[in-house]
Amino acid sequence: MAFPTAVNDQITDSVTQANVKVLGDAPAMSMGNLFQATSQALGNAAHNATSAQQQTAITAQAATTMGVTTLYSIDTASTGVATKDILTPSSKVAGLGS
């Protein structure tokens, strides 16, 4: 004690020790908060990356499906046109000129 007071010395020492404990715990608490915030940010980044990969895969699958569908439809259309030309009666005989 630096100077005498009307408060019991044990109470003064107890309050001082509590204040010192709070000051001593502050760096650890701040580092804990920093670690928690960093972990949360990294977790969000990993989740966003995973979500972006999933969306990219879905888009690629849709594009592939549309490409295959287009290829199949082109084949079907050309077959249909050729079949129509064969089955449509014409006055000309193929290979004999006009």
C-alpha atoms as a PDB file:
ATOM      1  CA  MET A   1       0.000   0.000   0.000  1.00  0.00           C
ATOM      2  CA  ALA A   2       1.294   3.410  -0.937  1.00  0.00           C
ATOM      3  CA  PHE A   3      -0.805   5.348   1.526  1.00  0.00           C
ATOM      4  CA  PRO A   4      -3.237   4.467   4.281  1.00  0.00           C
ATOM      5  CA  THR A   5      -6.967   4.394   3.462  1.00  0.00           C
ATOM      6  CA  ALA A   6     -10.174   3.703   5.353  1.00  0.00           C
ATOM      7  CA  VAL A   7     -10.628   0.433   3.398  1.00  0.00           C
ATOM      8  CA  ASN A   8      -9.253  -2.833   4.741  1.00  0.00           C
ATOM      9  CA  ASP A   9      -5.874  -3.716   3.181  1.00  0.00           C
ATOM     10  CA  GLN A  10      -7.094  -7.214   2.234  1.00  0.00           C
ATOM     11  CA  ILE A  11      -9.963  -5.762   0.179  1.00  0.00           C
ATOM     12  CA  THR A  12      -7.617  -3.327  -1.551  1.00  0.00           C
ATOM     13  CA  ASP A  13      -5.182  -6.138  -2.339  1.00  0.00           C
ATOM     14  CA  SER A  14      -8.011  -8.346  -3.635  1.00  0.00           C
ATOM     15  CA  VAL A  15      -9.287  -5.636  -5.985  1.00  0.00           C
ATOM     16  CA  THR A  16      -5.745  -4.924  -7.163  1.00  0.00           C
ATOM     17  CA  GLN A  17      -5.124  -8.609  -7.852  1.00  0.00           C
ATOM     18  CA  ALA A  18      -8.398  -8.865  -9.798  1.00  0.00           C
ATOM     19  CA  ASN A  19      -7.432  -5.842 -11.880  1.00  0.00           C
ATOM     20  CA  VAL A  20      -3.977  -7.309 -12.547  1.00  0.00           C
ATOM     21  CA  LYS A  21      -5.573 -10.616 -13.586  1.00  0.00           C
ATOM     22  CA  VAL A  22      -7.856  -8.801 -16.043  1.00  0.00           C
ATOM     23  CA  LEU A  23      -4.889  -6.945 -17.488  1.00  0.00           C
ATOM     24  CA  GLY A  24      -2.890 -10.165 -17.681  1.00  0.00           C
ATOM     25  CA  ASP A  25      -5.697 -12.024 -19.444  1.00  0.00           C
ATOM     26  CA  ALA A  26      -6.267  -9.308 -22.054  1.00  0.00           C
ATOM     27  CA  PRO A  27      -3.506 -10.385 -24.501  1.00  0.00           C
ATOM     28  CA  ALA A  28      -4.645 -14.006 -24.391  1.00  0.00           C
ATOM     29  CA  MET A  29      -8.269 -13.009 -24.926  1.00  0.00           C
ATOM     30  CA  SER A  30      -7.369 -10.769 -27.844  1.00  0.00           C
ATOM     31  CA  MET A  31      -5.312 -13.531 -29.461  1.00  0.00           C
ATOM     32  CA  GLY A  32      -8.194 -15.937 -28.927  1.00  0.00           C
ATOM     33  CA  ASN A  33     -10.545 -13.501 -30.647  1.00  0.00           C
ATOM     34  CA  LEU A  34      -8.070 -13.088 -33.498  1.00  0.00           C
ATOM     35  CA  PHE A  35      -7.768 -16.847 -33.949  1.00  0.00           C
ATOM     36  CA  GLN A  36     -11.536 -17.270 -33.910  1.00  0.00           C
ATOM     37  CA  ALA A  37     -12.028 -14.516 -36.492  1.00  0.00           C
ATOM     38  CA  THR A  38      -9.273 -15.937 -38.700  1.00  0.00           C
ATOM     39  CA  SER A  39     -10.727 -19.436 -38.474  1.00  0.00           C
ATOM     40  CA  GLN A  40     -14.177 -18.140 -39.379  1.00  0.00           C
ATOM     41  CA  ALA A  41     -12.797 -16.242 -42.377  1.00  0.00           C
ATOM     42  CA  LEU A  42     -10.857 -19.279 -43.620  1.00  0.00           C
ATOM     43  CA  GLY A  43     -13.910 -21.483 -43.164  1.00  0.00           C
ATOM     44  CA  ASN A  44     -16.018 -19.065 -45.196  1.00  0.00           C
ATOM     45  CA  ALA A  45     -13.358 -18.945 -47.902  1.00  0.00           C
ATOM     46  CA  ALA A  46     -13.249 -22.749 -48.121  1.00  0.00           C
ATOM     47  CA  HIS A  47     -17.034 -22.918 -48.263  1.00  0.00           C
ATOM     48  CA  ASN A  48     -17.170 -20.297 -51.017  1.00  0.00           C
ATOM     49  CA  ALA A  49     -14.516 -22.148 -53.020  1.00  0.00           C
ATOM     50  CA  THR A  50     -16.417 -25.421 -52.697  1.00  0.00           C
ATOM     51  CA  SER A  51     -19.670 -23.767 -53.706  1.00  0.00           C
ATOM     52  CA  ALA A  52     -18.024 -22.147 -56.727  1.00  0.00           C
ATOM     53  CA  GLN A  53     -16.586 -25.504 -57.821  1.00  0.00           C
ATOM     54  CA  GLN A  54     -19.992 -27.125 -57.513  1.00  0.00           C
ATOM     55  CA  GLN A  55     -21.645 -24.377 -59.542  1.00  0.00           C
ATOM     56  CA  THR A  56     -18.919 -24.650 -62.197  1.00  0.00           C
ATOM     57  CA  ALA A  57     -19.433 -28.399 -62.421  1.00  0.00           C
ATOM     58  CA  ILE A  58     -23.189 -27.952 -62.790  1.00  0.00           C
ATOM     59  CA  THR A  59     -22.680 -25.356 -65.527  1.00  0.00           C
ATOM     60  CA  ALA A  60     -20.208 -27.614 -67.354  1.00  0.00           C
ATOM     61  CA  GLN A  61     -22.620 -30.538 -67.121  1.00  0.00           C
ATOM     62  CA  ALA A  62     -25.466 -28.403 -68.503  1.00  0.00           C
ATOM     63  CA  ALA A  63     -23.279 -27.196 -71.376  1.00  0.00           C
ATOM     64  CA  THR A  64     -22.227 -30.762 -72.159  1.00  0.00           C
ATOM     65  CA  THR A  65     -25.832 -31.930 -72.102  1.00  0.00           C
ATOM     66  CA  MET A  66     -26.887 -29.150 -74.465  1.00  0.00           C
ATOM     67  CA  GLY A  67     -23.966 -29.928 -76.783  1.00  0.00           C
ATOM     68  CA  VAL A  68     -24.836 -33.622 -76.945  1.00  0.00           C
ATOM     69  CA  THR A  69     -28.504 -32.780 -77.458  1.00  0.00           C
ATOM     70  CA  THR A  70     -27.561 -30.451 -80.314  1.00  0.00           C
ATOM     71  CA  LEU A  71     -25.390 -33.111 -81.914  1.00  0.00           C
ATOM     72  CA  TYR A  72     -28.160 -35.675 -81.682  1.00  0.00           C
ATOM     73  CA  SER A  73     -30.739 -33.240 -83.043  1.00  0.00           C
ATOM     74  CA  ILE A  74     -28.554 -32.303 -86.011  1.00  0.00           C
ATOM     75  CA  ASP A  75     -28.122 -35.968 -86.870  1.00  0.00           C
ATOM     76  CA  THR A  76     -31.842 -36.588 -86.566  1.00  0.00           C
ATOM     77  CA  ALA A  77     -32.712 -33.542 -88.664  1.00  0.00           C
ATOM     78  CA  SER A  78     -30.349 -34.478 -91.486  1.00  0.00           C
ATOM     79  CA  THR A  79     -31.666 -38.048 -91.459  1.00  0.00           C
ATOM     80  CA  GLY A  80     -35.201 -36.715 -91.582  1.00  0.00           C
ATOM     81  CA  VAL A  81     -34.445 -34.433 -94.543  1.00  0.00           C
ATOM     82  CA  ALA A  82     -32.750 -37.265 -96.438  1.00  0.00           C
ATOM     83  CA  THR A  83     -35.658 -39.609 -95.732  1.00  0.00           C
ATOM     84  CA  LYS A  84     -38.128 -36.962 -96.874  1.00  0.00           C
ATOM     85  CA  ASP A  85     -36.216 -36.461-100.118  1.00  0.00           C
ATOM     86  CA  ILE A  86     -36.224 -40.199-100.749  1.00  0.00           C
ATOM     87  CA  LEU A  87     -39.897 -40.681 -99.986  1.00  0.00           C
ATOM     88  CA  THR A  88     -41.209 -37.599-101.800  1.00  0.00           C
ATOM     89  CA  PRO A  89     -42.372 -38.538-105.301  1.00  0.00           C
ATOM     90  CA  SER A  90     -40.741 -36.576-108.057  1.00  0.00           C
ATOM     91  CA  SER A  91     -41.177 -36.590-111.814  1.00  0.00           C
ATOM     92  CA  LYS A  92     -37.430 -36.889-112.356  1.00  0.00           C
ATOM     93  CA  VAL A  93     -35.477 -40.074-112.268  1.00  0.00           C
ATOM     94  CA  ALA A  94     -32.232 -39.684-110.458  1.00  0.00           C
ATOM     95  CA  GLY A  95     -29.158 -40.039-112.626  1.00  0.00           C
ATOM     96  CA  LEU A  96     -30.893 -39.519-115.992  1.00  0.00           C
ATOM     97  CA  GLY A  97     -30.346 -35.805-116.294  1.00  0.00           C
ATOM     98  CA  SER A  98     -33.107 -33.233-116.618  1.00  0.00           C
END
